[in-house]
């Protein structure tokens, strides 16, 4: 099958959307599917406001249309709501082509604190964007319920996974940092609520693996924490493996793949009991969800690391790929009125 994926998030960006797509695409190709990715690569781009490491394609409409025509896909998936995704959506509506989409990012909650845009406006935009989609893929039941409450339709589940070969337990622990080591991995940005972790009175060390627009400010405010920037592959896995607990302070994630990566390495999770963590950490034996994040972090130290690994083994990327394929819609069998779909 010829599968086209339109996404504004792509390498060299490092985030959950990119990790998800890269892993799904690798497995699609392994099973003989032909995949074409339309991303900001090859387009003129400008840095995203307040997030300069994310490039946004400028007026990509013609290029996106040309790539869709030339690839002639059997099925189309729009992964993001940025300029690339919007251009692919317009093309599909004009040509009466069906497409699926995904809700990976809590866009309204990210825009509201940065630009003062009311949450209701953000959800209205997102609802309109996804309205013509044949299936809106979400990673968790909590996210599904939230979107249904905001009037979204045709929502389907697909459980995200982790790389169980790359992320695995070892007996190594940090020797150059006072233990226990409490680790965060991910973007260093406003929406990740990192001060809630870095302000905690905890023994040992706090480690931040990742980068982003808030890093310099947080390094100044929390000089006792260790910031090491982005890490990849085996090196990234080693940071998880050597940690004693993984702390995830975000209140706005749709899922939180990094929690699965930590669990696959045998590292217990501490987080708030909110959307994302409540769907990833469903077993009290592998993580502690508490409104008191300090209490959760300390309690996580007592959990069984072998049990964390066993729990993560239920989340292979192969299952995610199977669900992704099951939700895809034949592009040329669309029987929809583009103007009607656009107006909803």
Protein backbone atom coordinates (compact mmCIF):
# COMPACT_ATOMS: atom_id res chain seq x y z
CA UNK A 1 0.00 0.00 0.00
CA UNK A 2 1.16 3.53 -0.80
CA UNK A 3 0.86 5.56 2.39
CA UNK A 4 1.38 9.33 2.49
CA UNK A 5 2.03 11.04 5.84
CA UNK A 6 1.97 14.84 6.14
CA UNK A 7 3.67 16.22 9.23
CA UNK A 8 5.13 19.49 10.49
CA UNK A 9 7.12 17.56 13.11
CA UNK A 10 10.07 15.68 11.65
CA UNK A 11 13.77 15.05 12.19
CA UNK A 12 15.98 16.63 13.37
CA UNK A 13 13.25 17.66 15.81
CA UNK A 14 13.06 15.48 18.91
CA UNK A 15 9.60 15.06 20.35
CA UNK A 16 6.89 12.47 20.84
CA UNK A 17 5.32 13.05 17.43
CA UNK A 18 8.60 12.43 15.62
CA UNK A 19 9.42 9.36 17.71
CA UNK A 20 5.97 7.93 17.03
CA UNK A 21 6.08 8.52 13.29
CA UNK A 22 9.64 7.26 12.84
CA UNK A 23 8.81 4.01 14.60
CA UNK A 24 5.52 3.46 12.78
CA UNK A 25 7.08 4.22 9.39
CA UNK A 26 9.99 1.85 10.00
CA UNK A 27 7.57 -0.97 10.70
CA UNK A 28 5.29 -0.09 7.79
CA UNK A 29 8.25 -0.31 5.43
CA UNK A 30 9.41 -3.54 7.04
CA UNK A 31 6.06 -5.05 6.10
CA UNK A 32 6.34 -3.92 2.48
CA UNK A 33 4.34 -0.70 2.47
CA UNK A 34 5.63 2.28 0.51
CA UNK A 35 5.63 5.40 2.67
CA UNK A 36 6.17 9.00 1.57
CA UNK A 37 6.58 11.72 4.21
CA UNK A 38 5.83 15.36 3.48
CA UNK A 39 7.64 17.41 6.09
CA UNK A 40 9.22 20.89 6.33
CA UNK A 41 12.33 19.42 4.67
CA UNK A 42 12.78 21.04 1.26
CA UNK A 43 10.53 24.02 2.03
CA UNK A 44 11.46 27.55 3.01
CA UNK A 45 10.95 27.70 6.77
CA UNK A 46 10.88 30.19 9.61
CA UNK A 47 11.39 29.44 13.31
CA UNK A 48 8.23 28.85 15.28
CA UNK A 49 7.51 31.81 17.59
CA UNK A 50 8.71 31.05 21.17
CA UNK A 51 10.07 27.71 19.89
CA UNK A 52 12.90 28.58 17.47
CA UNK A 53 14.20 25.00 17.12
CA UNK A 54 10.95 24.03 15.37
CA UNK A 55 10.92 25.13 11.70
CA UNK A 56 7.56 25.95 10.12
CA UNK A 57 7.14 25.75 6.35
CA UNK A 58 6.13 29.04 4.75
CA UNK A 59 3.34 28.83 2.15
CA UNK A 60 3.95 25.14 1.36
CA UNK A 61 0.67 24.64 -0.53
CA UNK A 62 2.02 24.12 -4.05
CA UNK A 63 4.83 21.85 -2.93
CA UNK A 64 2.51 19.75 -0.79
CA UNK A 65 0.00 19.43 -3.63
CA UNK A 66 2.72 18.42 -6.07
CA UNK A 67 4.08 15.73 -3.75
CA UNK A 68 0.62 14.26 -3.17
CA UNK A 69 -0.12 14.18 -6.92
CA UNK A 70 3.23 12.62 -7.78
CA UNK A 71 3.09 9.97 -5.06
CA UNK A 72 -0.56 9.13 -5.85
CA UNK A 73 -1.21 7.56 -2.42
CA UNK A 74 -3.68 4.83 -1.58
CA UNK A 75 -4.23 6.41 1.82
CA UNK A 76 -3.35 9.73 3.49
CA UNK A 77 -2.60 10.57 7.11
CA UNK A 78 -2.23 14.11 8.45
CA UNK A 79 -0.22 13.94 11.67
CA UNK A 80 -0.08 17.62 12.68
CA UNK A 81 -2.09 20.82 12.40
CA UNK A 82 0.71 23.14 11.21
CA UNK A 83 1.32 24.58 7.71
CA UNK A 84 2.19 21.19 6.14
CA UNK A 85 -0.82 19.49 7.68
CA UNK A 86 -3.12 22.37 6.74
CA UNK A 87 -1.90 22.34 3.12
CA UNK A 88 -2.47 18.58 2.85
CA UNK A 89 -5.94 19.01 4.35
CA UNK A 90 -6.87 21.71 1.82
CA UNK A 91 -5.69 19.54 -1.06
CA UNK A 92 -7.74 16.58 0.15
CA UNK A 93 -10.86 18.67 0.58
CA UNK A 94 -10.52 20.22 -2.88
CA UNK A 95 -10.05 16.82 -4.50
CA UNK A 96 -12.58 14.92 -2.39
CA UNK A 97 -9.92 12.64 -0.90
CA UNK A 98 -10.39 10.93 2.42
CA UNK A 99 -7.71 11.27 5.07
CA UNK A 100 -7.09 10.35 8.69
CA UNK A 101 -5.52 12.61 11.29
CA UNK A 102 -4.04 12.42 14.78
CA UNK A 103 -4.32 14.55 17.88
CA UNK A 104 -0.80 14.36 19.28
CA UNK A 105 -0.46 17.76 20.94
CA UNK A 106 -2.66 19.73 23.32
CA UNK A 107 -2.41 22.75 21.04
CA UNK A 108 -4.98 24.93 22.90
CA UNK A 109 -3.21 24.43 26.23
CA UNK A 110 0.16 25.31 24.67
CA UNK A 111 -1.04 28.44 22.88
CA UNK A 112 -3.06 29.87 25.76
CA UNK A 113 -0.17 30.69 28.16
CA UNK A 114 2.12 31.90 25.36
CA UNK A 115 -0.24 34.18 23.43
CA UNK A 116 -3.29 34.57 25.64
CA UNK A 117 -5.58 32.79 23.17
CA UNK A 118 -8.66 31.50 25.06
CA UNK A 119 -8.86 27.72 25.31
CA UNK A 120 -12.30 27.77 23.67
CA UNK A 121 -10.83 29.43 20.57
CA UNK A 122 -8.02 26.90 20.39
CA UNK A 123 -10.43 23.98 20.64
CA UNK A 124 -12.72 25.54 18.04
CA UNK A 125 -9.79 25.71 15.61
CA UNK A 126 -8.73 22.14 16.32
CA UNK A 127 -12.27 20.82 16.07
CA UNK A 128 -12.69 22.49 12.69
CA UNK A 129 -9.32 21.19 11.49
CA UNK A 130 -10.15 17.57 12.32
CA UNK A 131 -13.85 17.66 11.37
CA UNK A 132 -13.38 16.25 7.82
CA UNK A 133 -11.07 13.45 9.01
CA UNK A 134 -12.27 9.90 8.53
CA UNK A 135 -10.69 8.97 11.86
CA UNK A 136 -8.99 11.13 14.49
CA UNK A 137 -6.38 8.95 16.22
CA UNK A 138 -5.70 9.53 19.92
CA UNK A 139 -3.33 7.69 22.22
CA UNK A 140 -5.35 7.41 25.42
CA UNK A 141 -8.92 7.02 26.71
CA UNK A 142 -8.51 10.23 28.73
CA UNK A 143 -7.63 12.16 25.57
CA UNK A 144 -10.58 10.59 23.78
CA UNK A 145 -12.98 11.67 26.52
CA UNK A 146 -11.56 15.19 26.52
CA UNK A 147 -12.01 15.61 22.77
CA UNK A 148 -15.51 14.14 22.86
CA UNK A 149 -16.41 16.69 25.53
CA UNK A 150 -15.18 19.41 23.15
CA UNK A 151 -17.36 18.17 20.29
CA UNK A 152 -14.85 16.14 18.22
CA UNK A 153 -16.22 13.25 16.16
CA UNK A 154 -14.91 9.96 14.73
CA UNK A 155 -12.26 9.56 17.41
CA UNK A 156 -10.40 6.24 17.40
CA UNK A 157 -7.80 4.77 19.75
CA UNK A 158 -4.30 3.73 18.95
CA UNK A 159 -2.00 2.72 21.77
CA UNK A 160 1.49 4.12 21.46
CA UNK A 161 4.53 1.98 22.13
CA UNK A 162 8.23 1.95 22.87
CA UNK A 163 11.38 0.41 21.42
CA UNK A 164 11.87 -2.60 23.66
CA UNK A 165 15.24 -3.47 22.10
CA UNK A 166 16.82 -0.04 22.55
CA UNK A 167 15.30 0.62 25.96
CA UNK A 168 16.07 -2.24 28.33
CA UNK A 169 17.35 -2.59 31.91
CA UNK A 170 21.00 -2.84 32.94
CA UNK A 171 22.76 -3.04 36.29
CA UNK A 172 24.65 0.21 35.73
CA UNK A 173 23.96 3.23 37.95
CA UNK A 174 25.39 6.74 38.01
CA UNK A 175 28.75 6.99 39.73
CA UNK A 176 29.44 10.66 39.00
CA UNK A 177 26.26 11.99 40.63
CA UNK A 178 25.03 11.67 44.21
CA UNK A 179 22.28 9.07 44.39
CA UNK A 180 19.40 8.62 44.18
CA UNK A 181 19.21 10.21 40.74
CA UNK A 182 15.82 11.59 39.73
CA UNK A 183 15.65 12.08 35.97
CA UNK A 184 13.46 13.97 33.53
CA UNK A 185 13.72 13.40 29.77
CA UNK A 186 11.99 15.59 27.21
CA UNK A 187 11.58 19.10 25.92
CA UNK A 188 12.68 21.85 28.25
CA UNK A 189 9.75 24.16 27.70
CA UNK A 190 7.08 26.09 29.55
CA UNK A 191 4.36 23.50 29.01
CA UNK A 192 6.40 20.72 30.62
CA UNK A 193 6.02 22.28 34.10
CA UNK A 194 9.66 21.54 34.98
CA UNK A 195 9.86 23.87 38.02
CA UNK A 196 7.42 21.51 39.76
CA UNK A 197 10.20 18.91 39.61
CA UNK A 198 13.25 21.13 40.02
CA UNK A 199 11.86 22.89 43.12
CA UNK A 200 11.36 19.63 45.01
CA UNK A 201 13.40 18.98 48.16
CA UNK A 202 14.82 15.60 47.21
CA UNK A 203 17.94 13.70 48.23
CA UNK A 204 20.63 12.92 45.67
CA UNK A 205 20.54 14.57 42.24
CA UNK A 206 18.13 15.98 39.69
CA UNK A 207 18.98 15.31 36.04
CA UNK A 208 17.38 16.93 32.99
CA UNK A 209 17.97 15.25 29.63
CA UNK A 210 16.69 17.38 26.76
CA UNK A 211 16.69 20.91 25.46
CA UNK A 212 14.31 23.69 24.58
CA UNK A 213 13.50 27.38 24.93
CA UNK A 214 13.34 27.32 28.74
CA UNK A 215 16.68 25.64 29.34
CA UNK A 216 18.87 28.71 29.93
CA UNK A 217 16.38 30.25 32.32
CA UNK A 218 15.96 27.05 34.29
CA UNK A 219 19.72 26.47 34.46
CA UNK A 220 20.09 29.89 36.07
CA UNK A 221 17.23 29.33 38.49
CA UNK A 222 18.21 25.76 39.47
CA UNK A 223 22.03 25.58 39.44
CA UNK A 224 22.04 22.38 41.49
CA UNK A 225 20.29 20.42 38.76
CA UNK A 226 22.33 18.80 35.98
CA UNK A 227 21.25 19.73 32.42
CA UNK A 228 22.87 17.58 29.72
CA UNK A 229 20.93 18.51 26.56
CA UNK A 230 19.51 16.11 24.00
CA UNK A 231 20.78 12.57 23.90
CA UNK A 232 19.99 9.92 21.29
CA UNK A 233 19.86 6.17 20.85
CA UNK A 234 22.03 4.05 23.11
CA UNK A 235 23.33 7.10 24.96
CA UNK A 236 19.78 8.22 25.76
CA UNK A 237 18.91 4.73 26.96
CA UNK A 238 21.93 4.79 29.27
CA UNK A 239 20.60 7.90 31.05
CA UNK A 240 17.35 6.10 31.79
CA UNK A 241 19.10 2.86 32.77
CA UNK A 242 21.40 4.53 35.30
CA UNK A 243 18.61 6.54 36.96
CA UNK A 244 16.81 5.59 40.16
CA UNK A 245 13.44 7.19 39.36
CA UNK A 246 11.87 9.04 36.45
CA UNK A 247 9.93 12.22 37.27
CA UNK A 248 7.34 13.50 34.78
CA UNK A 249 5.90 16.85 35.96
CA UNK A 250 3.85 17.74 32.86
CA UNK A 251 0.17 18.53 33.27
CA UNK A 252 -0.71 18.87 29.57
CA UNK A 253 0.72 15.89 27.66
CA UNK A 254 -1.55 13.73 25.55
CA UNK A 255 0.53 10.66 26.40
CA UNK A 256 4.18 10.93 27.44
CA UNK A 257 6.28 8.40 25.53
CA UNK A 258 9.24 9.09 27.80
CA UNK A 259 7.44 7.37 30.67
CA UNK A 260 7.25 4.15 28.62
CA UNK A 261 10.93 4.47 27.71
CA UNK A 262 11.81 4.78 31.39
CA UNK A 263 9.66 1.80 32.34
CA UNK A 264 11.21 -0.29 29.55
CA UNK A 265 14.60 0.44 31.16
CA UNK A 266 13.25 -0.72 34.51
CA UNK A 267 12.91 2.77 35.98
CA UNK A 268 9.76 3.56 38.02
CA UNK A 269 7.77 6.71 37.28
CA UNK A 270 6.59 9.56 39.48
CA UNK A 271 3.99 11.93 38.06
CA UNK A 272 0.85 13.89 38.76
CA UNK A 273 -2.47 12.00 38.37
CA UNK A 274 -3.47 13.79 35.17
CA UNK A 275 -4.17 13.01 31.51
CA UNK A 276 -1.18 11.19 30.09
CA UNK A 277 0.25 9.60 33.24
CA UNK A 278 -3.10 8.08 34.26
CA UNK A 279 -3.20 6.22 30.93
CA UNK A 280 0.46 5.18 30.88
CA UNK A 281 0.96 4.25 34.53
CA UNK A 282 -2.04 2.03 35.22
CA UNK A 283 -0.29 -0.24 37.72
CA UNK A 284 0.72 1.09 41.13
CA UNK A 285 3.62 -1.36 41.11
CA UNK A 286 5.45 0.55 38.35
CA UNK A 287 4.75 4.19 39.18
CA UNK A 288 3.33 6.57 41.75
CA UNK A 289 0.78 9.22 40.75
CA UNK A 290 0.22 11.81 43.44
CA UNK A 291 -0.64 15.49 43.66
CA UNK A 292 2.39 15.68 45.97
CA UNK A 293 5.16 15.11 43.42
CA UNK A 294 7.85 14.88 46.09
CA UNK A 295 5.99 12.08 47.82
CA UNK A 296 5.53 10.33 44.48
CA UNK A 297 9.24 10.61 43.63
CA UNK A 298 10.37 9.21 46.97
CA UNK A 299 7.82 6.38 46.86
CA UNK A 300 8.91 5.44 43.32
CA UNK A 301 12.35 4.52 44.69
CA UNK A 302 10.77 1.56 46.47
CA UNK A 303 9.21 -0.03 43.37
CA UNK A 304 10.46 -3.17 41.64
CA UNK A 305 12.51 -2.41 38.54
CA UNK A 306 11.92 -5.84 37.01
CA UNK A 307 8.19 -5.25 37.27
CA UNK A 308 8.55 -1.96 35.39
CA UNK A 309 10.18 -3.77 32.49
CA UNK A 310 7.50 -6.47 32.40
CA UNK A 311 4.82 -3.80 32.31
CA UNK A 312 6.47 -1.96 29.39
CA UNK A 313 6.63 -5.14 27.34
CA UNK A 314 2.89 -4.79 26.71
CA UNK A 315 3.59 -1.68 24.59
CA UNK A 316 5.44 -2.79 21.42
CA UNK A 317 5.47 -0.47 18.41
CA UNK A 318 4.23 -3.37 16.29
CA UNK A 319 0.80 -3.14 17.94
CA UNK A 320 0.69 0.62 17.37
CA UNK A 321 1.45 0.06 13.68
CA UNK A 322 -1.26 -2.57 13.40
CA UNK A 323 -3.85 -0.18 14.86
CA UNK A 324 -2.60 2.67 12.66
CA UNK A 325 -3.15 0.58 9.53
CA UNK A 326 -6.57 -0.58 10.71
CA UNK A 327 -7.76 3.03 10.96
CA UNK A 328 -6.49 4.19 7.56
CA UNK A 329 -9.11 5.09 4.94
CA UNK A 330 -8.85 4.52 1.16
CA UNK A 331 -8.17 8.00 -0.19
CA UNK A 332 -10.05 7.64 -3.46
CA UNK A 333 -13.19 6.10 -2.03
CA UNK A 334 -14.10 9.37 -0.32
CA UNK A 335 -17.70 10.34 -0.87
CA UNK A 336 -17.81 13.72 0.77
CA UNK A 337 -18.71 17.25 -0.19
CA UNK A 338 -15.53 19.31 0.33
CA UNK A 339 -17.49 22.48 1.01
CA UNK A 340 -19.76 20.73 3.46
CA UNK A 341 -16.82 19.14 5.26
CA UNK A 342 -15.03 22.46 5.44
CA UNK A 343 -18.05 24.20 6.92
CA UNK A 344 -18.48 21.86 9.86
